[in-house]
Structures are given as C-alpha cells and as structure tokens.
PDB file of N, CA and C in Angstrom:
ATOM      1  N   MET A   1      11.744 -11.983 -19.849  1.00  0.00           N
ATOM      2  CA  MET A   1      11.511 -13.140 -19.135  1.00  0.00           C
ATOM      3  C   MET A   1      11.232 -14.257 -20.225  1.00  0.00           C
ATOM      4  N   GLU A   2      11.574 -15.680 -19.589  1.00  0.00           N
ATOM      5  CA  GLU A   2      11.599 -16.685 -20.537  1.00  0.00           C
ATOM      6  C   GLU A   2      10.507 -17.073 -21.475  1.00  0.00           C
ATOM      7  N   LYS A   3       9.075 -16.733 -20.715  1.00  0.00           N
ATOM      8  CA  LYS A   3       7.730 -16.841 -21.160  1.00  0.00           C
ATOM      9  C   LYS A   3       7.154 -15.723 -21.494  1.00  0.00           C
ATOM     10  N   GLU A   4       7.922 -14.476 -21.441  1.00  0.00           N
ATOM     11  CA  GLU A   4       6.870 -13.440 -21.452  1.00  0.00           C
ATOM     12  C   GLU A   4       6.049 -12.992 -21.446  1.00  0.00           C
ATOM     13  N   TYR A   5       5.150 -12.572 -21.990  1.00  0.00           N
ATOM     14  CA  TYR A   5       3.866 -12.591 -21.159  1.00  0.00           C
ATOM     15  C   TYR A   5       2.934 -13.409 -20.066  1.00  0.00           C
ATOM     16  N   ASP A   6       3.593 -14.756 -21.089  1.00  0.00           N
ATOM     17  CA  ASP A   6       2.524 -15.700 -20.294  1.00  0.00           C
ATOM     18  C   ASP A   6       3.602 -16.382 -18.570  1.00  0.00           C
ATOM     19  N   THR A   7       4.659 -15.579 -18.777  1.00  0.00           N
ATOM     20  CA  THR A   7       5.170 -15.874 -17.385  1.00  0.00           C
ATOM     21  C   THR A   7       4.197 -15.490 -16.220  1.00  0.00           C
ATOM     22  N   GLU A   8       4.318 -16.586 -15.306  1.00  0.00           N
ATOM     23  CA  GLU A   8       3.490 -16.358 -13.691  1.00  0.00           C
ATOM     24  C   GLU A   8       4.130 -15.501 -13.092  1.00  0.00           C
ATOM     25  N   ILE A   9       3.453 -15.181 -12.047  1.00  0.00           N
ATOM     26  CA  ILE A   9       4.209 -13.891 -11.622  1.00  0.00           C
ATOM     27  C   ILE A   9       3.901 -14.301  -9.837  1.00  0.00           C
ATOM     28  N   GLY A  10       2.779 -15.212  -9.856  1.00  0.00           N
ATOM     29  CA  GLY A  10       2.181 -15.492  -8.549  1.00  0.00           C
ATOM     30  C   GLY A  10       1.470 -14.551  -8.024  1.00  0.00           C
ATOM     31  N   GLU A  11       1.222 -14.728  -6.850  1.00  0.00           N
ATOM     32  CA  GLU A  11      -0.256 -13.859  -6.123  1.00  0.00           C
ATOM     33  C   GLU A  11       0.728 -12.571  -5.216  1.00  0.00           C
ATOM     34  N   ASN A  12      -0.120 -11.286  -6.191  1.00  0.00           N
ATOM     35  CA  ASN A  12       0.822 -10.298  -5.677  1.00  0.00           C
ATOM     36  C   ASN A  12       2.260  -9.797  -6.381  1.00  0.00           C
ATOM     37  N   GLY A  13       2.190 -10.634  -7.149  1.00  0.00           N
ATOM     38  CA  GLY A  13       3.862 -10.824  -7.693  1.00  0.00           C
ATOM     39  C   GLY A  13       5.042 -11.667  -7.039  1.00  0.00           C
ATOM     40  N   ASN A  14       4.276 -12.318  -5.957  1.00  0.00           N
ATOM     41  CA  ASN A  14       5.641 -13.131  -5.361  1.00  0.00           C
ATOM     42  C   ASN A  14       6.532 -14.089  -6.378  1.00  0.00           C
ATOM     43  N   ARG A  15       6.276 -14.175  -7.309  1.00  0.00           N
ATOM     44  CA  ARG A  15       7.408 -14.934  -7.742  1.00  0.00           C
ATOM     45  C   ARG A  15       8.562 -13.562  -8.355  1.00  0.00           C
ATOM     46  N   LEU A  16       8.284 -12.763  -8.403  1.00  0.00           N
ATOM     47  CA  LEU A  16       9.112 -11.681  -9.069  1.00  0.00           C
ATOM     48  C   LEU A  16       9.858 -10.884  -7.980  1.00  0.00           C
ATOM     49  N   SER A  17      10.771 -10.108  -8.059  1.00  0.00           N
ATOM     50  CA  SER A  17      12.284  -9.292  -7.500  1.00  0.00           C
ATOM     51  C   SER A  17      11.525  -8.120  -7.262  1.00  0.00           C
ATOM     52  N   GLY A  18      11.968  -7.419  -6.117  1.00  0.00           N
ATOM     53  CA  GLY A  18      11.191  -6.234  -5.473  1.00  0.00           C
ATOM     54  C   GLY A  18      11.427  -5.040  -7.092  1.00  0.00           C
ATOM     55  N   GLY A  19      12.725  -5.333  -7.642  1.00  0.00           N
ATOM     56  CA  GLY A  19      12.821  -4.011  -8.510  1.00  0.00           C
ATOM     57  C   GLY A  19      12.065  -4.482 -10.014  1.00  0.00           C
ATOM     58  N   GLU A  20      11.184  -6.153 -10.251  1.00  0.00           N
ATOM     59  CA  GLU A  20      10.702  -6.004 -11.011  1.00  0.00           C
ATOM     60  C   GLU A  20       9.105  -6.061 -10.834  1.00  0.00           C
ATOM     61  N   ARG A  21       8.669  -5.986  -9.916  1.00  0.00           N
ATOM     62  CA  ARG A  21       7.251  -5.620  -9.463  1.00  0.00           C
ATOM     63  C   ARG A  21       7.695  -4.046  -9.337  1.00  0.00           C
ATOM     64  N   GLN A  22       7.925  -3.219  -8.582  1.00  0.00           N
ATOM     65  CA  GLN A  22       8.155  -1.650  -9.337  1.00  0.00           C
ATOM     66  C   GLN A  22       8.081  -1.354 -10.639  1.00  0.00           C
ATOM     67  N   ARG A  23       9.179  -2.233 -11.485  1.00  0.00           N
ATOM     68  CA  ARG A  23       8.876  -2.228 -13.536  1.00  0.00           C
ATOM     69  C   ARG A  23       7.405  -2.256 -13.360  1.00  0.00           C
ATOM     70  N   LEU A  24       7.173  -3.331 -13.127  1.00  0.00           N
ATOM     71  CA  LEU A  24       5.374  -3.813 -13.430  1.00  0.00           C
ATOM     72  C   LEU A  24       4.719  -2.418 -13.083  1.00  0.00           C
ATOM     73  N   SER A  25       4.878  -2.198 -11.608  1.00  0.00           N
ATOM     74  CA  SER A  25       3.889  -1.318 -11.201  1.00  0.00           C
ATOM     75  C   SER A  25       3.854  -0.138 -12.161  1.00  0.00           C
ATOM     76  N   VAL A  26       5.136   0.505 -12.213  1.00  0.00           N
ATOM     77  CA  VAL A  26       5.151   2.037 -13.493  1.00  0.00           C
ATOM     78  C   VAL A  26       4.851   1.744 -15.006  1.00  0.00           C
ATOM     79  N   ALA A  27       5.292   0.338 -15.354  1.00  0.00           N
ATOM     80  CA  ALA A  27       4.894  -0.305 -16.495  1.00  0.00           C
ATOM     81  C   ALA A  27       2.985   0.244 -16.382  1.00  0.00           C
ATOM     82  N   ARG A  28       2.496  -0.300 -15.503  1.00  0.00           N
ATOM     83  CA  ARG A  28       0.796  -0.639 -15.697  1.00  0.00           C
ATOM     84  C   ARG A  28      -0.010   0.737 -15.580  1.00  0.00           C
ATOM     85  N   ALA A  29       1.363   1.724 -14.359  1.00  0.00           N
ATOM     86  CA  ALA A  29       0.745   2.939 -15.034  1.00  0.00           C
ATOM     87  C   ALA A  29       0.758   3.992 -16.238  1.00  0.00           C
ATOM     88  N   ILE A  30       1.466   3.605 -16.400  1.00  0.00           N
ATOM     89  CA  ILE A  30       1.892   4.035 -18.381  1.00  0.00           C
ATOM     90  C   ILE A  30       0.900   3.282 -19.292  1.00  0.00           C
ATOM     91  N   LEU A  31       0.721   2.232 -19.002  1.00  0.00           N
ATOM     92  CA  LEU A  31      -0.203   1.386 -20.203  1.00  0.00           C
ATOM     93  C   LEU A  31      -1.740   1.601 -19.852  1.00  0.00           C
ATOM     94  N   LYS A  32      -2.527   2.205 -17.960  1.00  0.00           N
ATOM     95  CA  LYS A  32      -3.730   2.526 -18.080  1.00  0.00           C
ATOM     96  C   LYS A  32      -4.021   3.644 -18.623  1.00  0.00           C
ATOM     97  N   ASP A  33      -2.815   4.979 -18.933  1.00  0.00           N
ATOM     98  CA  ASP A  33      -2.388   5.661 -19.897  1.00  0.00           C
ATOM     99  C   ASP A  33      -4.022   7.076 -18.800  1.00  0.00           C
ATOM    100  N   SER A  34      -3.885   7.039 -17.565  1.00  0.00           N
ATOM    101  CA  SER A  34      -4.116   7.817 -16.617  1.00  0.00           C
ATOM    102  C   SER A  34      -3.923   9.569 -17.070  1.00  0.00           C
ATOM    103  N   PRO A  35      -4.389  10.364 -17.179  1.00  0.00           N
ATOM    104  CA  PRO A  35      -4.422  11.895 -17.093  1.00  0.00           C
ATOM    105  C   PRO A  35      -3.127  11.698 -16.280  1.00  0.00           C
ATOM    106  N   ILE A  36      -3.359  11.318 -14.970  1.00  0.00           N
ATOM    107  CA  ILE A  36      -2.575  12.130 -13.793  1.00  0.00           C
ATOM    108  C   ILE A  36      -1.901  11.003 -13.105  1.00  0.00           C
ATOM    109  N   ILE A  37      -0.754  10.796 -12.883  1.00  0.00           N
ATOM    110  CA  ILE A  37      -0.123   9.490 -11.972  1.00  0.00           C
ATOM    111  C   ILE A  37       0.665  10.216 -11.260  1.00  0.00           C
ATOM    112  N   LEU A  38       0.615   9.572 -10.145  1.00  0.00           N
ATOM    113  CA  LEU A  38       1.853   9.641  -8.806  1.00  0.00           C
ATOM    114  C   LEU A  38       2.159   8.716  -8.338  1.00  0.00           C
ATOM    115  N   LEU A  39       3.645   9.245  -8.471  1.00  0.00           N
ATOM    116  CA  LEU A  39       4.887   8.152  -8.306  1.00  0.00           C
ATOM    117  C   LEU A  39       5.165   8.405  -6.785  1.00  0.00           C
ATOM    118  N   ASP A  40       4.988   7.170  -6.254  1.00  0.00           N
ATOM    119  CA  ASP A  40       5.691   7.760  -4.060  1.00  0.00           C
ATOM    120  C   ASP A  40       6.937   6.938  -4.562  1.00  0.00           C
ATOM    121  N   GLU A  41       7.877   7.604  -4.456  1.00  0.00           N
ATOM    122  CA  GLU A  41       9.615   7.055  -4.151  1.00  0.00           C
ATOM    123  C   GLU A  41       9.987   5.845  -5.530  1.00  0.00           C
ATOM    124  N   ALA A  42       9.532   6.240  -6.296  1.00  0.00           N
ATOM    125  CA  ALA A  42       9.652   5.369  -7.939  1.00  0.00           C
ATOM    126  C   ALA A  42      10.625   4.214  -7.351  1.00  0.00           C
ATOM    127  N   THR A  43      12.019   4.612  -7.168  1.00  0.00           N
ATOM    128  CA  THR A  43      13.376   4.147  -7.426  1.00  0.00           C
ATOM    129  C   THR A  43      13.853   3.733  -6.401  1.00  0.00           C
ATOM    130  N   VAL A  44      13.190   3.831  -5.112  1.00  0.00           N
ATOM    131  CA  VAL A  44      13.431   3.375  -4.290  1.00  0.00           C
ATOM    132  C   VAL A  44      13.808   1.760  -3.607  1.00  0.00           C
ATOM    133  N   SER A  45      14.928   1.943  -3.031  1.00  0.00           N
ATOM    134  CA  SER A  45      15.496   0.038  -3.086  1.00  0.00           C
ATOM    135  C   SER A  45      15.510  -0.887  -4.533  1.00  0.00           C
ATOM    136  N   LEU A  46      15.840  -0.042  -5.750  1.00  0.00           N
ATOM    137  CA  LEU A  46      15.850  -0.625  -6.625  1.00  0.00           C
ATOM    138  C   LEU A  46      17.584  -0.887  -6.982  1.00  0.00           C
ATOM    139  N   ASP A  47      18.089  -2.451  -8.156  1.00  0.00           N
ATOM    140  CA  ASP A  47      19.427  -2.254  -7.889  1.00  0.00           C
ATOM    141  C   ASP A  47      19.695  -1.001  -9.164  1.00  0.00           C
ATOM    142  N   ILE A  48      20.867  -0.942  -9.340  1.00  0.00           N
ATOM    143  CA  ILE A  48      20.981   0.239 -10.480  1.00  0.00           C
ATOM    144  C   ILE A  48      20.647   0.081 -11.886  1.00  0.00           C
ATOM    145  N   GLU A  49      20.658  -1.318 -12.707  1.00  0.00           N
ATOM    146  CA  GLU A  49      19.735  -1.613 -13.568  1.00  0.00           C
ATOM    147  C   GLU A  49      18.167  -1.016 -13.874  1.00  0.00           C
ATOM    148  N   ASN A  50      17.697  -1.826 -12.613  1.00  0.00           N
ATOM    149  CA  ASN A  50      16.213  -1.371 -12.955  1.00  0.00           C
ATOM    150  C   ASN A  50      15.896  -0.236 -12.303  1.00  0.00           C
ATOM    151  N   GLU A  51      16.639   0.504 -11.644  1.00  0.00           N
ATOM    152  CA  GLU A  51      16.392   2.310 -11.482  1.00  0.00           C
ATOM    153  C   GLU A  51      16.599   2.701 -12.623  1.00  0.00           C
ATOM    154  N   LEU A  52      17.570   2.354 -13.447  1.00  0.00           N
ATOM    155  CA  LEU A  52      17.688   3.051 -14.790  1.00  0.00           C
ATOM    156  C   LEU A  52      16.522   2.720 -15.713  1.00  0.00           C
ATOM    157  N   PHE A  53      16.203   1.680 -15.897  1.00  0.00           N
ATOM    158  CA  PHE A  53      14.727   1.280 -16.305  1.00  0.00           C
ATOM    159  C   PHE A  53      13.904   1.985 -16.075  1.00  0.00           C
ATOM    160  N   VAL A  54      13.088   2.442 -14.680  1.00  0.00           N
ATOM    161  CA  VAL A  54      12.559   3.050 -13.833  1.00  0.00           C
ATOM    162  C   VAL A  54      12.118   4.885 -14.663  1.00  0.00           C
ATOM    163  N   LYS A  55      13.922   5.184 -14.351  1.00  0.00           N
ATOM    164  CA  LYS A  55      14.342   6.427 -14.718  1.00  0.00           C
ATOM    165  C   LYS A  55      13.541   6.595 -16.004  1.00  0.00           C
ATOM    166  N   GLN A  56      14.215   5.863 -17.173  1.00  0.00           N
ATOM    167  CA  GLN A  56      13.864   6.098 -18.447  1.00  0.00           C
ATOM    168  C   GLN A  56      12.184   6.256 -18.694  1.00  0.00           C
ATOM    169  N   ALA A  57      11.552   5.456 -18.050  1.00  0.00           N
ATOM    170  CA  ALA A  57      10.200   5.575 -18.365  1.00  0.00           C
ATOM    171  C   ALA A  57       9.529   6.451 -17.311  1.00  0.00           C
ATOM    172  N   ILE A  58       9.870   7.038 -16.286  1.00  0.00           N
ATOM    173  CA  ILE A  58       9.556   8.156 -15.772  1.00  0.00           C
ATOM    174  C   ILE A  58      10.001   9.612 -17.113  1.00  0.00           C
ATOM    175  N   SER A  59      11.027   9.596 -17.195  1.00  0.00           N
ATOM    176  CA  SER A  59      11.430  10.453 -18.659  1.00  0.00           C
ATOM    177  C   SER A  59      10.120  10.443 -19.298  1.00  0.00           C
ATOM    178  N   ASN A  60       9.983   9.478 -19.949  1.00  0.00           N
ATOM    179  CA  ASN A  60       8.960   9.316 -21.138  1.00  0.00           C
ATOM    180  C   ASN A  60       8.102  10.149 -20.300  1.00  0.00           C
ATOM    181  N   LEU A  61       7.380   9.879 -19.570  1.00  0.00           N
ATOM    182  CA  LEU A  61       6.166  10.178 -18.969  1.00  0.00           C
ATOM    183  C   LEU A  61       5.704  11.752 -18.470  1.00  0.00           C
ATOM    184  N   LEU A  62       7.057  12.327 -18.445  1.00  0.00           N
ATOM    185  CA  LEU A  62       7.330  13.232 -18.045  1.00  0.00           C
ATOM    186  C   LEU A  62       6.789  14.605 -19.731  1.00  0.00           C
ATOM    187  N   LYS A  63       7.712  13.341 -20.543  1.00  0.00           N
ATOM    188  CA  LYS A  63       7.634  14.461 -22.115  1.00  0.00           C
ATOM    189  C   LYS A  63       5.904  14.074 -23.061  1.00  0.00           C
ATOM    190  N   SER A  64       5.124  12.948 -21.746  1.00  0.00           N
ATOM    191  CA  SER A  64       3.765  12.790 -22.351  1.00  0.00           C
ATOM    192  C   SER A  64       3.177  14.113 -21.807  1.00  0.00           C
ATOM    193  N   ASN A  65       1.848  13.956 -22.548  1.00  0.00           N
ATOM    194  CA  ASN A  65       0.658  15.084 -21.718  1.00  0.00           C
ATOM    195  C   ASN A  65       0.062  14.778 -20.465  1.00  0.00           C
ATOM    196  N   LYS A  66       0.734  14.328 -19.568  1.00  0.00           N
ATOM    197  CA  LYS A  66      -0.145  13.855 -18.307  1.00  0.00           C
ATOM    198  C   LYS A  66       0.489  15.068 -17.201  1.00  0.00           C
ATOM    199  N   THR A  67      -0.594  14.723 -16.149  1.00  0.00           N
ATOM    200  CA  THR A  67       0.406  15.256 -14.725  1.00  0.00           C
ATOM    201  C   THR A  67       0.686  14.109 -14.114  1.00  0.00           C
ATOM    202  N   VAL A  68       2.348  14.417 -13.999  1.00  0.00           N
ATOM    203  CA  VAL A  68       2.946  13.572 -12.908  1.00  0.00           C
ATOM    204  C   VAL A  68       3.624  13.929 -11.686  1.00  0.00           C
ATOM    205  N   ILE A  69       2.782  13.497 -10.405  1.00  0.00           N
ATOM    206  CA  ILE A  69       3.316  13.907  -9.342  1.00  0.00           C
ATOM    207  C   ILE A  69       4.421  13.323  -8.875  1.00  0.00           C
ATOM    208  N   MET A  70       5.429  13.073  -8.572  1.00  0.00           N
ATOM    209  CA  MET A  70       6.244  12.609  -8.014  1.00  0.00           C
ATOM    210  C   MET A  70       6.902  12.825  -6.533  1.00  0.00           C
ATOM    211  N   ILE A  71       6.806  12.145  -5.566  1.00  0.00           N
ATOM    212  CA  ILE A  71       7.161  12.041  -4.311  1.00  0.00           C
ATOM    213  C   ILE A  71       8.988  11.228  -4.307  1.00  0.00           C
ATOM    214  N   ALA A  72       9.843  12.115  -4.056  1.00  0.00           N
ATOM    215  CA  ALA A  72      11.165  12.210  -3.818  1.00  0.00           C
ATOM    216  C   ALA A  72      11.929  12.285  -3.051  1.00  0.00           C
ATOM    217  N   HIS A  73      12.907  11.467  -2.415  1.00  0.00           N
ATOM    218  CA  HIS A  73      14.052  12.070  -1.445  1.00  0.00           C
ATOM    219  C   HIS A  73      15.700  12.395  -2.034  1.00  0.00           C
ATOM    220  N   THR A  74      15.596  11.488  -3.291  1.00  0.00           N
ATOM    221  CA  THR A  74      16.604  11.820  -3.972  1.00  0.00           C
ATOM    222  C   THR A  74      16.300  12.790  -4.970  1.00  0.00           C
ATOM    223  N   LEU A  75      16.970  13.513  -5.062  1.00  0.00           N
ATOM    224  CA  LEU A  75      16.997  14.498  -5.980  1.00  0.00           C
ATOM    225  C   LEU A  75      16.869  14.819  -7.536  1.00  0.00           C
ATOM    226  N   PRO A  76      17.898  13.778  -7.926  1.00  0.00           N
ATOM    227  CA  PRO A  76      18.322  13.472  -9.572  1.00  0.00           C
ATOM    228  C   PRO A  76      17.177  13.390  -9.963  1.00  0.00           C
ATOM    229  N   ILE A  77      16.167  12.251  -9.647  1.00  0.00           N
ATOM    230  CA  ILE A  77      15.146  12.069 -10.334  1.00  0.00           C
ATOM    231  C   ILE A  77      13.879  12.874 -10.204  1.00  0.00           C
ATOM    232  N   ILE A  78      13.962  13.966  -9.885  1.00  0.00           N
ATOM    233  CA  ILE A  78      12.759  15.096  -9.766  1.00  0.00           C
ATOM    234  C   ILE A  78      13.468  16.396 -10.906  1.00  0.00           C
ATOM    235  N   LYS A  79      15.028  16.451 -11.070  1.00  0.00           N
ATOM    236  CA  LYS A  79      15.436  17.397 -11.528  1.00  0.00           C
ATOM    237  C   LYS A  79      15.272  17.933 -12.929  1.00  0.00           C
ATOM    238  N   ASN A  80      14.236  16.925 -13.426  1.00  0.00           N
ATOM    239  CA  ASN A  80      13.741  17.629 -15.016  1.00  0.00           C
ATOM    240  C   ASN A  80      12.237  18.368 -14.955  1.00  0.00           C
ATOM    241  N   ALA A  81      11.982  18.412 -13.692  1.00  0.00           N
ATOM    242  CA  ALA A  81      10.414  18.916 -13.600  1.00  0.00           C
ATOM    243  C   ALA A  81       9.868  20.215 -13.504  1.00  0.00           C
ATOM    244  N   ASN A  82       8.846  20.567 -14.524  1.00  0.00           N
ATOM    245  CA  ASN A  82       8.231  21.779 -14.955  1.00  0.00           C
ATOM    246  C   ASN A  82       8.433  22.164 -13.075  1.00  0.00           C
ATOM    247  N   LYS A  83       8.163  21.542 -12.146  1.00  0.00           N
ATOM    248  CA  LYS A  83       7.957  22.418 -10.804  1.00  0.00           C
ATOM    249  C   LYS A  83       8.356  21.270  -9.642  1.00  0.00           C
ATOM    250  N   ILE A  84       9.057  21.919  -8.745  1.00  0.00           N
ATOM    251  CA  ILE A  84       9.747  21.371  -7.922  1.00  0.00           C
ATOM    252  C   ILE A  84       8.901  22.104  -6.066  1.00  0.00           C
ATOM    253  N   LEU A  85       8.343  21.605  -6.033  1.00  0.00           N
ATOM    254  CA  LEU A  85       7.858  22.394  -4.375  1.00  0.00           C
ATOM    255  C   LEU A  85       8.550  21.700  -3.482  1.00  0.00           C
ATOM    256  N   VAL A  86       9.163  22.071  -2.660  1.00  0.00           N
ATOM    257  CA  VAL A  86       9.431  22.201  -1.234  1.00  0.00           C
ATOM    258  C   VAL A  86       8.991  21.918   0.285  1.00  0.00           C
ATOM    259  N   VAL A  87       9.297  21.004   1.028  1.00  0.00           N
ATOM    260  CA  VAL A  87       8.544  20.888   1.938  1.00  0.00           C
ATOM    261  C   VAL A  87       9.449  20.838   3.387  1.00  0.00           C
ATOM    262  N   GLU A  88       8.670  20.746   4.663  1.00  0.00           N
ATOM    263  CA  GLU A  88       9.639  20.562   5.604  1.00  0.00           C
ATOM    264  C   GLU A  88      10.434  21.991   6.034  1.00  0.00           C
ATOM    265  N   ASN A  89       9.833  23.016   5.852  1.00  0.00           N
ATOM    266  CA  ASN A  89      10.875  24.692   6.024  1.00  0.00           C
ATOM    267  C   ASN A  89      11.634  24.219   5.194  1.00  0.00           C
ATOM    268  N   GLY A  90      11.940  24.367   4.463  1.00  0.00           N
ATOM    269  CA  GLY A  90      13.251  24.135   3.357  1.00  0.00           C
ATOM    270  C   GLY A  90      14.090  22.830   3.174  1.00  0.00           C
ATOM    271  N   LYS A  91      14.043  22.423   4.355  1.00  0.00           N
ATOM    272  CA  LYS A  91      15.020  21.119   4.742  1.00  0.00           C
ATOM    273  C   LYS A  91      15.298  20.404   3.470  1.00  0.00           C
ATOM    274  N   TYR A  92      14.762  20.061   2.756  1.00  0.00           N
ATOM    275  CA  TYR A  92      14.998  19.614   1.275  1.00  0.00           C
ATOM    276  C   TYR A  92      15.358  20.709  -0.040  1.00  0.00           C
ATOM    277  N   ALA A  93      15.512  22.438   0.869  1.00  0.00           N
ATOM    278  CA  ALA A  93      16.300  23.143  -0.460  1.00  0.00           C
ATOM    279  C   ALA A  93      17.705  22.886  -0.120  1.00  0.00           C
ATOM    280  N   ASP A  94      17.922  22.708   1.041  1.00  0.00           N
ATOM    281  CA  ASP A  94      19.575  22.231   0.848  1.00  0.00           C
ATOM    282  C   ASP A  94      19.873  21.476   0.475  1.00  0.00           C
ATOM    283  N   MET A  95      19.439  20.440   1.032  1.00  0.00           N
ATOM    284  CA  MET A  95      19.287  18.985   0.005  1.00  0.00           C
ATOM    285  C   MET A  95      19.971  19.441  -1.619  1.00  0.00           C
ATOM    286  N   TRP A  96      19.016  20.101  -2.712  1.00  0.00           N
ATOM    287  CA  TRP A  96      18.589  20.475  -3.650  1.00  0.00           C
ATOM    288  C   TRP A  96      20.015  21.088  -4.113  1.00  0.00           C
ATOM    289  N   LYS A  97      20.311  22.469  -2.948  1.00  0.00           N
ATOM    290  CA  LYS A  97      21.633  22.875  -3.546  1.00  0.00           C
ATOM    291  C   LYS A  97      22.691  22.028  -3.562  1.00  0.00           C
ATOM    292  N   ALA A  98      23.115  21.271  -2.513  1.00  0.00           N
ATOM    293  CA  ALA A  98      24.255  20.316  -2.115  1.00  0.00           C
ATOM    294  C   ALA A  98      24.541  19.691  -3.485  1.00  0.00           C
ATOM    295  N   SER A  99      23.013  19.069  -4.129  1.00  0.00           N
ATOM    296  CA  SER A  99      23.274  18.375  -5.589  1.00  0.00           C
ATOM    297  C   SER A  99      23.631  19.333  -6.405  1.00  0.00           C
ATOM    298  N   GLN A 100      23.425  20.552  -6.706  1.00  0.00           N
ATOM    299  CA  GLN A 100      23.555  20.914  -7.613  1.00  0.00           C
ATOM    300  C   GLN A 100      25.226  21.264  -7.768  1.00  0.00           C
ATOM    301  N   LYS A 101      25.971  21.227  -5.869  1.00  0.00           N
ATOM    302  CA  LYS A 101      27.309  21.597  -6.274  1.00  0.00           C
ATOM    303  C   LYS A 101      28.128  20.395  -6.386  1.00  0.00           C
ATOM    304  N   LEU A 102      27.518  18.819  -6.028  1.00  0.00           N
ATOM    305  CA  LEU A 102      28.048  17.841  -6.332  1.00  0.00           C
ATOM    306  C   LEU A 102      28.183  17.822  -8.048  1.00  0.00           C
ATOM    307  N   ASN A 103      26.967  17.899  -8.750  1.00  0.00           N
ATOM    308  CA  ASN A 103      27.013  18.191 -10.489  1.00  0.00           C
ATOM    309  C   ASN A 103      27.808  18.729 -10.964  1.00  0.00           C
ATOM    310  N   LEU A 104      27.990  20.112 -10.186  1.00  0.00           N
ATOM    311  CA  LEU A 104      28.944  21.000 -10.938  1.00  0.00           C
ATOM    312  C   LEU A 104      30.782  19.663 -10.772  1.00  0.00           C
ATOM    313  N   ILE A 105      30.510  19.894  -9.526  1.00  0.00           N
ATOM    314  CA  ILE A 105      32.244  18.816  -9.266  1.00  0.00           C
ATOM    315  C   ILE A 105      32.177  17.824 -10.317  1.00  0.00           C
ATOM    316  N   SER A 106      31.281  17.080 -10.636  1.00  0.00           N
ATOM    317  CA  SER A 106      31.588  15.859 -11.347  1.00  0.00           C
ATOM    318  C   SER A 106      31.772  16.591 -12.550  1.00  0.00           C
ATOM    319  N   LEU A 107      31.047  18.065 -12.790  1.00  0.00           N
ATOM    320  CA  LEU A 107      31.097  17.828 -14.233  1.00  0.00           C
ATOM    321  C   LEU A 107      32.829  18.630 -15.003  1.00  0.00           C
ATOM    322  N   SER A 108      33.060  19.390 -13.746  1.00  0.00           N
ATOM    323  CA  SER A 108      34.200  19.882 -13.673  1.00  0.00           C
ATOM    324  C   SER A 108      35.507  18.611 -13.643  1.00  0.00           C
ATOM    325  N   LYS A 109      35.292  17.417 -13.167  1.00  0.00           N
ATOM    326  CA  LYS A 109      36.009  16.526 -13.379  1.00  0.00           C
ATOM    327  C   LYS A 109      36.311  16.249 -14.540  1.00  0.00           C
ATOM    328  N   SER A 110      35.248  15.877 -15.041  1.00  0.00           N
ATOM    329  CA  SER A 110      35.192  14.798 -16.108  1.00  0.00           C
ATOM    330  C   SER A 110      35.555  15.392 -17.526  1.00  0.00           C
ATOM    331  N   LYS A 111      35.869  17.063 -17.966  1.00  0.00           N
ATOM    332  CA  LYS A 111      36.327  17.556 -18.474  1.00  0.00           C
ATOM    333  C   LYS A 111      38.257  17.495 -18.652  1.00  0.00           C
TER     334      LYS A 111
END
C-alpha cells in the first residue's frame, strides 16, 4: 500500500478488500506468536493472488513450532498437515480420494 504502515484502513478494515482483511487477520495471528492458531476457512472467497499469499503464510506456520488447527472444505490447503481429521461419517474422505485422483491426473498430463 502507498503509505505502508501508515495506511488508514477504516473501522473494522472497511477500506480494505475482503482479501486484504483476510491477509491482515492471518498476519495478526502470525505476529501474535500464539502457540495455537485456529484458521477457519482461511482462503474462502479470496481471489487467486490473495489465496496464494495466504497459502504461503499457512505453509510457513506449519513449519513453525505451533499447533495449527485448520477448518477447510478445500483439501489442497490441508494436504501437508501432520494429521487430518475427517468429519460427518466420512463424507469428506470421499472428497480427499477424489482430490488425490485429480492430482495424479494432473501430474500425468504435465509429463
């Protein structure tokens, strides 16, 4: 942003886009240096550029000595987690299997 840290973001960030507010929230969680971080749909409704920034920040969090709990409906964001818990009688386990098949298809097409 033009004024960097001096940028006025308005009450509750109302001068920011949704993606900017989301990135700011993730940045605050990182800077707070809490031992446990809860992310609930951290990339929902983001454009591709902001999604990439948030995914990189989450990737960095996962490398730190923190407990990161993520709630997600899109599987690629959680695929590098140490543990994945599946809810709703395994409904999302089917999504994971389908996602893995798509990854294999993508890899074979890129060769």
